[in-house]
Amino acid sequence: MLSTYLEVIQYGFSLLFGVTLSVSYAGISFTRRNNVVLSLSCLVLLISQSLCWWLLGLDLTTKLYPLIIHIPLILFLIIYFKRPWLHSVVSVLSAYLCCQVPRWIGIFFGTIFRNSLTEPISYIVAVFLTFYLFSKFVTNTLRHLMEKSTISCILLGAVPFIYYIFDYTTTVYTDWLYSGVRGVPRNG
């Protein structure tokens, strides 16, 4: 029961991490007004995600995540914050890629300690650490490269886009990465 609550909290932190990093990458300043708007938008996204879990189940919600969270976030950056569409897309895709780091840290510690509580707790701690590191060392460079030129922005967004397609294709919509599909390397 406790591990289920921790997983729900983990999803909340994941959403907050992704939204905040996307906004940061898009060049939105964290003013008082923007913080209130971002808090409300996170609350709306969290409620819509929770409703989908409740009505459709976790598996379908995971598959619909781009429609439930990513596209609304991109539209929010474009419409409310008046960011260029390409910057908005690259910001969200880059944040998605960055969301994998806490996930891998959580999986790593969960595997080492073999405890159902270790993975979500490690993930939550890693969210704070990685957010600090990305904010301090990545945000300004990423923003500068996106604003340099359209080609620079497209090239910068190519890696997160390819990873996004790969991740959803091989782990969310199918189990190709973990199954014996021809062309997918097997362990051992």
N, C-alpha and C. Protein backbone atom coordinates (compact mmCIF):
# COMPACT_ATOMS: atom_id res chain seq x y z
N MET A 1 0.82 -1.20 0.00
CA MET A 1 0.00 0.00 0.00
C MET A 1 0.87 1.27 0.00
N LEU A 2 1.90 1.30 0.84
CA LEU A 2 2.80 2.44 0.92
C LEU A 2 3.55 2.64 -0.39
N SER A 3 3.94 1.52 -1.02
CA SER A 3 4.66 1.63 -2.30
C SER A 3 3.75 2.21 -3.38
N THR A 4 2.45 1.92 -3.34
CA THR A 4 1.51 2.49 -4.31
C THR A 4 1.41 4.00 -4.12
N TYR A 5 1.31 4.44 -2.87
CA TYR A 5 1.26 5.88 -2.60
C TYR A 5 2.53 6.57 -3.06
N LEU A 6 3.67 5.92 -2.82
CA LEU A 6 4.94 6.49 -3.24
C LEU A 6 5.04 6.58 -4.76
N GLU A 7 4.50 5.59 -5.47
CA GLU A 7 4.50 5.64 -6.93
C GLU A 7 3.64 6.78 -7.45
N VAL A 8 2.50 7.02 -6.81
CA VAL A 8 1.64 8.14 -7.20
C VAL A 8 2.37 9.46 -6.95
N ILE A 9 3.02 9.57 -5.81
CA ILE A 9 3.80 10.77 -5.50
C ILE A 9 4.94 10.91 -6.50
N GLN A 10 5.55 9.80 -6.86
CA GLN A 10 6.63 9.81 -7.86
C GLN A 10 6.12 10.37 -9.18
N TYR A 11 4.94 9.96 -9.63
CA TYR A 11 4.37 10.49 -10.88
C TYR A 11 4.12 11.99 -10.77
N GLY A 12 3.68 12.43 -9.60
CA GLY A 12 3.47 13.86 -9.39
C GLY A 12 4.77 14.64 -9.50
N PHE A 13 5.83 14.13 -8.88
CA PHE A 13 7.13 14.79 -8.96
C PHE A 13 7.67 14.74 -10.39
N SER A 14 7.42 13.66 -11.09
CA SER A 14 7.84 13.54 -12.49
C SER A 14 7.18 14.62 -13.34
N LEU A 15 5.89 14.81 -13.13
CA LEU A 15 5.15 15.83 -13.86
C LEU A 15 5.69 17.22 -13.53
N LEU A 16 5.87 17.49 -12.26
CA LEU A 16 6.39 18.79 -11.83
C LEU A 16 7.79 19.04 -12.39
N PHE A 17 8.64 18.02 -12.34
CA PHE A 17 9.99 18.10 -12.87
C PHE A 17 9.97 18.41 -14.37
N GLY A 18 9.17 17.65 -15.12
CA GLY A 18 9.10 17.83 -16.57
C GLY A 18 8.54 19.18 -16.97
N VAL A 19 7.47 19.61 -16.31
CA VAL A 19 6.86 20.90 -16.64
C VAL A 19 7.82 22.04 -16.31
N THR A 20 8.41 21.99 -15.13
CA THR A 20 9.31 23.06 -14.70
C THR A 20 10.55 23.14 -15.59
N LEU A 21 11.10 21.99 -15.93
CA LEU A 21 12.26 21.98 -16.81
C LEU A 21 11.89 22.45 -18.22
N SER A 22 10.74 22.04 -18.73
CA SER A 22 10.27 22.50 -20.05
C SER A 22 10.14 24.02 -20.08
N VAL A 23 9.54 24.56 -19.05
CA VAL A 23 9.34 26.00 -18.96
C VAL A 23 10.68 26.72 -18.87
N SER A 24 11.57 26.17 -18.09
CA SER A 24 12.90 26.74 -17.95
C SER A 24 13.65 26.72 -19.28
N TYR A 25 13.60 25.59 -19.97
CA TYR A 25 14.26 25.47 -21.27
C TYR A 25 13.65 26.42 -22.30
N ALA A 26 12.36 26.67 -22.18
CA ALA A 26 11.67 27.56 -23.12
C ALA A 26 11.99 29.03 -22.86
N GLY A 27 12.69 29.32 -21.77
CA GLY A 27 13.10 30.69 -21.49
C GLY A 27 12.08 31.50 -20.71
N ILE A 28 11.21 30.83 -20.00
CA ILE A 28 10.22 31.52 -19.20
C ILE A 28 10.84 31.83 -17.84
N SER A 29 10.73 33.07 -17.41
CA SER A 29 11.30 33.44 -16.11
C SER A 29 10.32 33.03 -15.00
N PHE A 30 10.88 32.73 -13.85
CA PHE A 30 10.07 32.28 -12.72
C PHE A 30 9.68 33.47 -11.84
N THR A 31 8.80 34.29 -12.39
CA THR A 31 8.26 35.42 -11.62
C THR A 31 7.13 34.90 -10.75
N ARG A 32 6.69 35.73 -9.86
CA ARG A 32 5.58 35.34 -8.97
C ARG A 32 4.34 34.96 -9.79
N ARG A 33 4.01 35.79 -10.77
CA ARG A 33 2.83 35.53 -11.61
C ARG A 33 2.99 34.23 -12.38
N ASN A 34 4.17 34.03 -13.00
CA ASN A 34 4.41 32.80 -13.76
C ASN A 34 4.39 31.57 -12.86
N ASN A 35 4.89 31.70 -11.64
CA ASN A 35 4.87 30.57 -10.70
C ASN A 35 3.44 30.17 -10.34
N VAL A 36 2.57 31.17 -10.17
CA VAL A 36 1.17 30.87 -9.87
C VAL A 36 0.52 30.18 -11.07
N VAL A 37 0.76 30.70 -12.27
CA VAL A 37 0.19 30.11 -13.49
C VAL A 37 0.73 28.69 -13.68
N LEU A 38 2.03 28.50 -13.46
CA LEU A 38 2.62 27.17 -13.60
C LEU A 38 2.07 26.20 -12.56
N SER A 39 1.89 26.67 -11.35
CA SER A 39 1.31 25.80 -10.31
C SER A 39 -0.09 25.36 -10.68
N LEU A 40 -0.88 26.30 -11.18
CA LEU A 40 -2.25 25.96 -11.60
C LEU A 40 -2.23 25.01 -12.79
N SER A 41 -1.33 25.24 -13.74
CA SER A 41 -1.28 24.35 -14.90
C SER A 41 -0.83 22.96 -14.49
N CYS A 42 0.12 22.87 -13.56
CA CYS A 42 0.54 21.55 -13.06
C CYS A 42 -0.62 20.85 -12.36
N LEU A 43 -1.39 21.61 -11.61
CA LEU A 43 -2.55 21.04 -10.92
C LEU A 43 -3.57 20.51 -11.93
N VAL A 44 -3.83 21.28 -12.99
CA VAL A 44 -4.77 20.85 -14.03
C VAL A 44 -4.25 19.59 -14.73
N LEU A 45 -2.95 19.58 -15.07
CA LEU A 45 -2.37 18.40 -15.71
C LEU A 45 -2.39 17.19 -14.80
N LEU A 46 -2.11 17.40 -13.51
CA LEU A 46 -2.14 16.30 -12.55
C LEU A 46 -3.55 15.74 -12.37
N ILE A 47 -4.53 16.62 -12.34
CA ILE A 47 -5.93 16.18 -12.22
C ILE A 47 -6.35 15.42 -13.47
N SER A 48 -5.98 15.93 -14.65
CA SER A 48 -6.36 15.23 -15.88
C SER A 48 -5.67 13.87 -15.96
N GLN A 49 -4.42 13.80 -15.54
CA GLN A 49 -3.71 12.53 -15.51
C GLN A 49 -4.36 11.57 -14.52
N SER A 50 -4.72 12.06 -13.36
CA SER A 50 -5.37 11.22 -12.35
C SER A 50 -6.72 10.72 -12.81
N LEU A 51 -7.49 11.58 -13.46
CA LEU A 51 -8.79 11.17 -13.99
C LEU A 51 -8.62 10.07 -15.04
N CYS A 52 -7.61 10.22 -15.87
CA CYS A 52 -7.35 9.19 -16.88
C CYS A 52 -6.97 7.87 -16.22
N TRP A 53 -6.14 7.93 -15.18
CA TRP A 53 -5.78 6.70 -14.44
C TRP A 53 -7.04 6.04 -13.91
N TRP A 54 -7.89 6.85 -13.30
CA TRP A 54 -9.07 6.32 -12.66
C TRP A 54 -10.06 5.76 -13.67
N LEU A 55 -10.25 6.48 -14.78
CA LEU A 55 -11.23 6.06 -15.78
C LEU A 55 -10.70 5.03 -16.77
N LEU A 56 -9.42 5.14 -17.15
CA LEU A 56 -8.88 4.32 -18.23
C LEU A 56 -7.84 3.29 -17.78
N GLY A 57 -7.34 3.45 -16.58
CA GLY A 57 -6.29 2.55 -16.09
C GLY A 57 -4.91 3.08 -16.40
N LEU A 58 -3.92 2.55 -15.69
CA LEU A 58 -2.55 3.03 -15.82
C LEU A 58 -1.96 2.75 -17.19
N ASP A 59 -2.21 1.56 -17.74
CA ASP A 59 -1.61 1.19 -19.03
C ASP A 59 -2.05 2.13 -20.15
N LEU A 60 -3.35 2.37 -20.27
CA LEU A 60 -3.85 3.25 -21.33
C LEU A 60 -3.44 4.70 -21.07
N THR A 61 -3.42 5.12 -19.81
CA THR A 61 -2.99 6.47 -19.48
C THR A 61 -1.54 6.68 -19.90
N THR A 62 -0.70 5.69 -19.66
CA THR A 62 0.71 5.77 -20.07
C THR A 62 0.81 5.92 -21.58
N LYS A 63 0.00 5.19 -22.30
CA LYS A 63 0.02 5.26 -23.76
C LYS A 63 -0.51 6.60 -24.28
N LEU A 64 -1.43 7.20 -23.54
CA LEU A 64 -2.02 8.47 -23.95
C LEU A 64 -1.27 9.68 -23.39
N TYR A 65 -0.22 9.44 -22.64
CA TYR A 65 0.52 10.51 -21.97
C TYR A 65 0.91 11.67 -22.90
N PRO A 66 1.36 11.39 -24.13
CA PRO A 66 1.66 12.52 -25.02
C PRO A 66 0.44 13.42 -25.28
N LEU A 67 -0.74 12.81 -25.37
CA LEU A 67 -1.96 13.60 -25.61
C LEU A 67 -2.46 14.28 -24.33
N ILE A 68 -2.20 13.65 -23.19
CA ILE A 68 -2.70 14.17 -21.92
C ILE A 68 -1.78 15.26 -21.37
N ILE A 69 -0.48 15.09 -21.53
CA ILE A 69 0.48 15.99 -20.89
C ILE A 69 1.34 16.76 -21.91
N HIS A 70 2.02 16.06 -22.79
CA HIS A 70 3.02 16.72 -23.63
C HIS A 70 2.42 17.73 -24.62
N ILE A 71 1.42 17.34 -25.35
CA ILE A 71 0.82 18.28 -26.31
C ILE A 71 0.17 19.47 -25.61
N PRO A 72 -0.60 19.26 -24.53
CA PRO A 72 -1.12 20.44 -23.82
C PRO A 72 -0.01 21.36 -23.29
N LEU A 73 1.10 20.77 -22.83
CA LEU A 73 2.20 21.59 -22.35
C LEU A 73 2.82 22.40 -23.49
N ILE A 74 3.01 21.78 -24.63
CA ILE A 74 3.54 22.49 -25.80
C ILE A 74 2.60 23.63 -26.19
N LEU A 75 1.31 23.35 -26.24
CA LEU A 75 0.32 24.38 -26.58
C LEU A 75 0.30 25.50 -25.55
N PHE A 76 0.47 25.14 -24.28
CA PHE A 76 0.51 26.14 -23.21
C PHE A 76 1.70 27.08 -23.40
N LEU A 77 2.86 26.51 -23.73
CA LEU A 77 4.05 27.34 -23.97
C LEU A 77 3.84 28.26 -25.17
N ILE A 78 3.18 27.75 -26.20
CA ILE A 78 2.96 28.54 -27.42
C ILE A 78 1.90 29.62 -27.19
N ILE A 79 0.77 29.23 -26.64
CA ILE A 79 -0.38 30.14 -26.54
C ILE A 79 -0.24 31.11 -25.37
N TYR A 80 0.03 30.61 -24.18
CA TYR A 80 0.07 31.49 -23.01
C TYR A 80 1.38 32.28 -22.93
N PHE A 81 2.50 31.59 -23.09
CA PHE A 81 3.79 32.25 -22.93
C PHE A 81 4.35 32.81 -24.24
N LYS A 82 3.62 32.60 -25.35
CA LYS A 82 4.00 33.17 -26.65
C LYS A 82 5.40 32.74 -27.10
N ARG A 83 5.75 31.50 -26.81
CA ARG A 83 7.03 30.97 -27.26
C ARG A 83 6.86 30.40 -28.67
N PRO A 84 7.90 30.48 -29.50
CA PRO A 84 7.81 29.88 -30.84
C PRO A 84 7.52 28.38 -30.73
N TRP A 85 6.77 27.87 -31.69
CA TRP A 85 6.36 26.46 -31.62
C TRP A 85 7.56 25.52 -31.59
N LEU A 86 8.59 25.80 -32.36
CA LEU A 86 9.76 24.92 -32.40
C LEU A 86 10.49 24.91 -31.05
N HIS A 87 10.63 26.07 -30.44
CA HIS A 87 11.26 26.14 -29.11
C HIS A 87 10.43 25.38 -28.08
N SER A 88 9.13 25.49 -28.20
CA SER A 88 8.24 24.80 -27.25
C SER A 88 8.37 23.29 -27.39
N VAL A 89 8.38 22.81 -28.63
CA VAL A 89 8.50 21.37 -28.87
C VAL A 89 9.85 20.86 -28.38
N VAL A 90 10.93 21.56 -28.74
CA VAL A 90 12.27 21.13 -28.34
C VAL A 90 12.41 21.19 -26.81
N SER A 91 11.82 22.19 -26.18
CA SER A 91 11.89 22.29 -24.71
C SER A 91 11.23 21.10 -24.04
N VAL A 92 10.05 20.73 -24.51
CA VAL A 92 9.33 19.59 -23.91
C VAL A 92 10.05 18.28 -24.20
N LEU A 93 10.52 18.09 -25.43
CA LEU A 93 11.25 16.86 -25.76
C LEU A 93 12.55 16.76 -24.97
N SER A 94 13.25 17.88 -24.81
CA SER A 94 14.50 17.87 -24.03
C SER A 94 14.22 17.56 -22.57
N ALA A 95 13.16 18.13 -22.03
CA ALA A 95 12.79 17.84 -20.64
C ALA A 95 12.42 16.37 -20.48
N TYR A 96 11.73 15.81 -21.49
CA TYR A 96 11.39 14.38 -21.44
C TYR A 96 12.65 13.53 -21.36
N LEU A 97 13.62 13.87 -22.18
CA LEU A 97 14.89 13.15 -22.15
C LEU A 97 15.55 13.28 -20.77
N CYS A 98 15.52 14.48 -20.22
CA CYS A 98 16.10 14.71 -18.89
C CYS A 98 15.35 13.96 -17.79
N CYS A 99 14.07 13.70 -17.99
CA CYS A 99 13.28 12.96 -17.00
C CYS A 99 13.76 11.52 -16.86
N GLN A 100 14.51 11.06 -17.83
CA GLN A 100 15.00 9.68 -17.78
C GLN A 100 16.09 9.51 -16.73
N VAL A 101 16.85 10.57 -16.46
CA VAL A 101 17.96 10.47 -15.50
C VAL A 101 17.47 10.08 -14.11
N PRO A 102 16.48 10.77 -13.53
CA PRO A 102 15.98 10.31 -12.22
C PRO A 102 15.37 8.90 -12.30
N ARG A 103 14.75 8.59 -13.42
CA ARG A 103 14.17 7.25 -13.59
C ARG A 103 15.26 6.19 -13.52
N TRP A 104 16.37 6.42 -14.24
CA TRP A 104 17.48 5.46 -14.23
C TRP A 104 18.10 5.36 -12.83
N ILE A 105 18.20 6.49 -12.14
CA ILE A 105 18.75 6.47 -10.78
C ILE A 105 17.84 5.66 -9.86
N GLY A 106 16.54 5.88 -9.98
CA GLY A 106 15.58 5.11 -9.18
C GLY A 106 15.66 3.62 -9.47
N ILE A 107 15.73 3.27 -10.73
CA ILE A 107 15.84 1.85 -11.12
C ILE A 107 17.14 1.26 -10.58
N PHE A 108 18.22 2.01 -10.69
CA PHE A 108 19.52 1.55 -10.21
C PHE A 108 19.46 1.21 -8.72
N PHE A 109 18.99 2.14 -7.91
CA PHE A 109 18.94 1.89 -6.47
C PHE A 109 17.88 0.86 -6.09
N GLY A 110 16.77 0.84 -6.84
CA GLY A 110 15.75 -0.17 -6.61
C GLY A 110 16.27 -1.57 -6.87
N THR A 111 17.11 -1.70 -7.90
CA THR A 111 17.71 -3.00 -8.23
C THR A 111 18.74 -3.41 -7.19
N ILE A 112 19.54 -2.47 -6.74
CA ILE A 112 20.58 -2.78 -5.75
C ILE A 112 19.96 -3.23 -4.42
N PHE A 113 18.99 -2.46 -3.93
CA PHE A 113 18.43 -2.73 -2.60
C PHE A 113 17.24 -3.68 -2.62
N ARG A 114 16.69 -3.96 -3.79
CA ARG A 114 15.58 -4.93 -3.94
C ARG A 114 14.46 -4.70 -2.92
N ASN A 115 14.04 -3.46 -2.86
CA ASN A 115 12.98 -3.07 -1.93
C ASN A 115 12.00 -2.22 -2.72
N SER A 116 10.72 -2.47 -2.59
CA SER A 116 9.72 -1.75 -3.39
C SER A 116 9.67 -0.25 -3.06
N LEU A 117 10.17 0.14 -1.90
CA LEU A 117 10.15 1.55 -1.53
C LEU A 117 11.39 2.31 -2.04
N THR A 118 12.46 1.58 -2.27
CA THR A 118 13.72 2.22 -2.64
C THR A 118 13.64 2.95 -3.98
N GLU A 119 13.03 2.32 -4.98
CA GLU A 119 13.00 2.94 -6.30
C GLU A 119 12.25 4.28 -6.31
N PRO A 120 11.01 4.35 -5.80
CA PRO A 120 10.34 5.66 -5.83
C PRO A 120 11.01 6.71 -4.94
N ILE A 121 11.54 6.30 -3.81
CA ILE A 121 12.23 7.26 -2.93
C ILE A 121 13.50 7.78 -3.62
N SER A 122 14.26 6.89 -4.22
CA SER A 122 15.47 7.29 -4.95
C SER A 122 15.11 8.21 -6.11
N TYR A 123 14.02 7.90 -6.79
CA TYR A 123 13.57 8.73 -7.90
C TYR A 123 13.26 10.14 -7.41
N ILE A 124 12.50 10.25 -6.33
CA ILE A 124 12.09 11.56 -5.82
C ILE A 124 13.32 12.38 -5.40
N VAL A 125 14.26 11.75 -4.72
CA VAL A 125 15.49 12.45 -4.33
C VAL A 125 16.26 12.87 -5.58
N ALA A 126 16.34 11.98 -6.56
CA ALA A 126 17.07 12.27 -7.80
C ALA A 126 16.43 13.41 -8.59
N VAL A 127 15.12 13.56 -8.50
CA VAL A 127 14.44 14.66 -9.19
C VAL A 127 15.00 16.00 -8.72
N PHE A 128 15.15 16.15 -7.43
CA PHE A 128 15.66 17.42 -6.90
C PHE A 128 17.12 17.65 -7.32
N LEU A 129 17.93 16.62 -7.21
CA LEU A 129 19.34 16.73 -7.56
C LEU A 129 19.51 17.02 -9.05
N THR A 130 18.83 16.27 -9.90
CA THR A 130 18.99 16.47 -11.34
C THR A 130 18.39 17.80 -11.79
N PHE A 131 17.29 18.22 -11.17
CA PHE A 131 16.73 19.52 -11.53
C PHE A 131 17.74 20.62 -11.23
N TYR A 132 18.37 20.55 -10.08
CA TYR A 132 19.38 21.54 -9.73
C TYR A 132 20.52 21.54 -10.75
N LEU A 133 21.02 20.35 -11.08
CA LEU A 133 22.15 20.24 -12.01
C LEU A 133 21.77 20.72 -13.41
N PHE A 134 20.60 20.31 -13.91
CA PHE A 134 20.17 20.75 -15.23
C PHE A 134 19.92 22.26 -15.26
N SER A 135 19.33 22.78 -14.21
CA SER A 135 19.07 24.23 -14.14
C SER A 135 20.37 25.02 -14.14
N LYS A 136 21.32 24.53 -13.40
CA LYS A 136 22.59 25.25 -13.25
C LYS A 136 23.50 25.11 -14.47
N PHE A 137 23.56 23.92 -15.07
CA PHE A 137 24.56 23.66 -16.10
C PHE A 137 24.03 23.46 -17.53
N VAL A 138 22.73 23.30 -17.70
CA VAL A 138 22.21 22.98 -19.03
C VAL A 138 21.28 24.07 -19.58
N THR A 139 20.44 24.62 -18.74
CA THR A 139 19.35 25.50 -19.19
C THR A 139 19.84 26.65 -20.07
N ASN A 140 20.80 27.42 -19.61
CA ASN A 140 21.23 28.59 -20.38
C ASN A 140 21.84 28.20 -21.72
N THR A 141 22.64 27.14 -21.74
CA THR A 141 23.25 26.68 -22.99
C THR A 141 22.18 26.20 -23.96
N LEU A 142 21.25 25.41 -23.47
CA LEU A 142 20.17 24.90 -24.31
C LEU A 142 19.36 26.04 -24.90
N ARG A 143 19.00 26.99 -24.07
CA ARG A 143 18.23 28.14 -24.52
C ARG A 143 19.00 28.94 -25.57
N HIS A 144 20.28 29.15 -25.32
CA HIS A 144 21.12 29.89 -26.28
C HIS A 144 21.16 29.17 -27.63
N LEU A 145 21.34 27.86 -27.61
CA LEU A 145 21.41 27.10 -28.86
C LEU A 145 20.07 27.10 -29.60
N MET A 146 18.98 27.05 -28.85
CA MET A 146 17.66 27.08 -29.51
C MET A 146 17.42 28.42 -30.18
N GLU A 147 17.88 29.49 -29.54
CA GLU A 147 17.61 30.83 -30.07
C GLU A 147 18.62 31.26 -31.13
N LYS A 148 19.68 30.50 -31.30
CA LYS A 148 20.74 30.85 -32.26
C LYS A 148 20.21 30.86 -33.69
N SER A 149 19.54 29.77 -34.08
CA SER A 149 18.96 29.70 -35.43
C SER A 149 17.95 28.56 -35.47
N THR A 150 17.14 28.55 -36.49
CA THR A 150 16.16 27.49 -36.66
C THR A 150 16.86 26.15 -36.87
N ILE A 151 17.91 26.15 -37.68
CA ILE A 151 18.66 24.90 -37.93
C ILE A 151 19.26 24.38 -36.63
N SER A 152 19.83 25.27 -35.85
CA SER A 152 20.41 24.89 -34.56
C SER A 152 19.34 24.27 -33.66
N CYS A 153 18.17 24.87 -33.65
CA CYS A 153 17.07 24.37 -32.83
C CYS A 153 16.62 22.99 -33.30
N ILE A 154 16.52 22.81 -34.60
CA ILE A 154 16.11 21.52 -35.16
C ILE A 154 17.15 20.44 -34.83
N LEU A 155 18.43 20.77 -35.03
CA LEU A 155 19.49 19.81 -34.73
C LEU A 155 19.51 19.47 -33.24
N LEU A 156 19.31 20.47 -32.41
CA LEU A 156 19.28 20.26 -30.96
C LEU A 156 18.10 19.37 -30.57
N GLY A 157 16.98 19.55 -31.23
CA GLY A 157 15.79 18.77 -30.91
C GLY A 157 15.79 17.37 -31.51
N ALA A 158 16.70 17.09 -32.43
CA ALA A 158 16.71 15.79 -33.10
C ALA A 158 16.96 14.63 -32.13
N VAL A 159 17.93 14.78 -31.26
CA VAL A 159 18.25 13.68 -30.32
C VAL A 159 17.09 13.40 -29.37
N PRO A 160 16.54 14.42 -28.69
CA PRO A 160 15.39 14.11 -27.82
C PRO A 160 14.19 13.56 -28.59
N PHE A 161 13.98 14.03 -29.83
CA PHE A 161 12.87 13.54 -30.64
C PHE A 161 13.06 12.06 -30.98
N ILE A 162 14.27 11.70 -31.41
CA ILE A 162 14.55 10.30 -31.75
C ILE A 162 14.41 9.42 -30.51
N TYR A 163 14.92 9.90 -29.37
CA TYR A 163 14.78 9.12 -28.14
C TYR A 163 13.29 8.97 -27.76
N TYR A 164 12.54 10.04 -27.89
CA TYR A 164 11.11 10.02 -27.56
C TYR A 164 10.39 8.95 -28.38
N ILE A 165 10.62 8.97 -29.69
CA ILE A 165 10.00 7.98 -30.58
C ILE A 165 10.47 6.58 -30.21
N PHE A 166 11.77 6.42 -30.00
CA PHE A 166 12.32 5.12 -29.63
C PHE A 166 11.71 4.60 -28.33
N ASP A 167 11.67 5.45 -27.31
CA ASP A 167 11.17 5.04 -26.00
C ASP A 167 9.70 4.65 -26.06
N TYR A 168 8.89 5.46 -26.70
CA TYR A 168 7.46 5.13 -26.79
C TYR A 168 7.22 3.90 -27.65
N THR A 169 7.97 3.76 -28.73
CA THR A 169 7.79 2.62 -29.63
C THR A 169 8.22 1.31 -28.98
N THR A 170 9.33 1.32 -28.25
CA THR A 170 9.89 0.07 -27.75
C THR A 170 9.50 -0.28 -26.32
N THR A 171 8.97 0.67 -25.54
CA THR A 171 8.63 0.35 -24.15
C THR A 171 7.20 0.69 -23.75
N VAL A 172 6.60 1.68 -24.40
CA VAL A 172 5.24 2.09 -24.00
C VAL A 172 4.19 1.42 -24.88
N TYR A 173 4.31 1.58 -26.19
CA TYR A 173 3.31 1.01 -27.10
C TYR A 173 3.54 -0.46 -27.39
N THR A 174 4.77 -0.93 -27.20
CA THR A 174 5.09 -2.35 -27.37
C THR A 174 6.05 -2.75 -26.25
N ASP A 175 6.41 -4.02 -26.22
CA ASP A 175 7.45 -4.46 -25.28
C ASP A 175 8.68 -4.94 -26.04
N TRP A 176 8.90 -4.39 -27.22
CA TRP A 176 9.98 -4.83 -28.09
C TRP A 176 11.34 -4.78 -27.41
N LEU A 177 11.59 -3.77 -26.62
CA LEU A 177 12.90 -3.64 -26.00
C LEU A 177 13.19 -4.79 -25.04
N TYR A 178 12.15 -5.32 -24.43
CA TYR A 178 12.33 -6.36 -23.42
C TYR A 178 11.90 -7.74 -23.87
N SER A 179 11.49 -7.86 -25.13
CA SER A 179 11.04 -9.16 -25.62
C SER A 179 12.02 -9.69 -26.66
N GLY A 180 11.71 -10.82 -27.19
CA GLY A 180 12.59 -11.46 -28.15
C GLY A 180 12.32 -11.07 -29.58
N VAL A 181 11.94 -9.83 -29.84
CA VAL A 181 11.68 -9.39 -31.20
C VAL A 181 12.98 -9.41 -31.99
N ARG A 182 12.90 -9.95 -33.16
CA ARG A 182 14.08 -10.02 -34.03
C ARG A 182 14.61 -8.62 -34.29
N GLY A 183 15.88 -8.47 -34.17
CA GLY A 183 16.50 -7.14 -34.35
C GLY A 183 16.73 -6.42 -33.05
N VAL A 184 16.13 -6.90 -31.97
CA VAL A 184 16.37 -6.32 -30.65
C VAL A 184 17.32 -7.25 -29.92
N PRO A 185 18.49 -6.75 -29.50
CA PRO A 185 19.48 -7.63 -28.85
C PRO A 185 18.94 -8.21 -27.54
N ARG A 186 19.26 -9.46 -27.31
CA ARG A 186 18.87 -10.13 -26.07
C ARG A 186 20.06 -10.18 -25.13
N ASN A 187 19.76 -10.17 -23.86
CA ASN A 187 20.83 -10.34 -22.86
C ASN A 187 21.20 -11.80 -22.79
N GLY A 188 22.51 -12.07 -22.71
CA GLY A 188 22.98 -13.44 -22.52
C GLY A 188 22.97 -14.17 -23.76
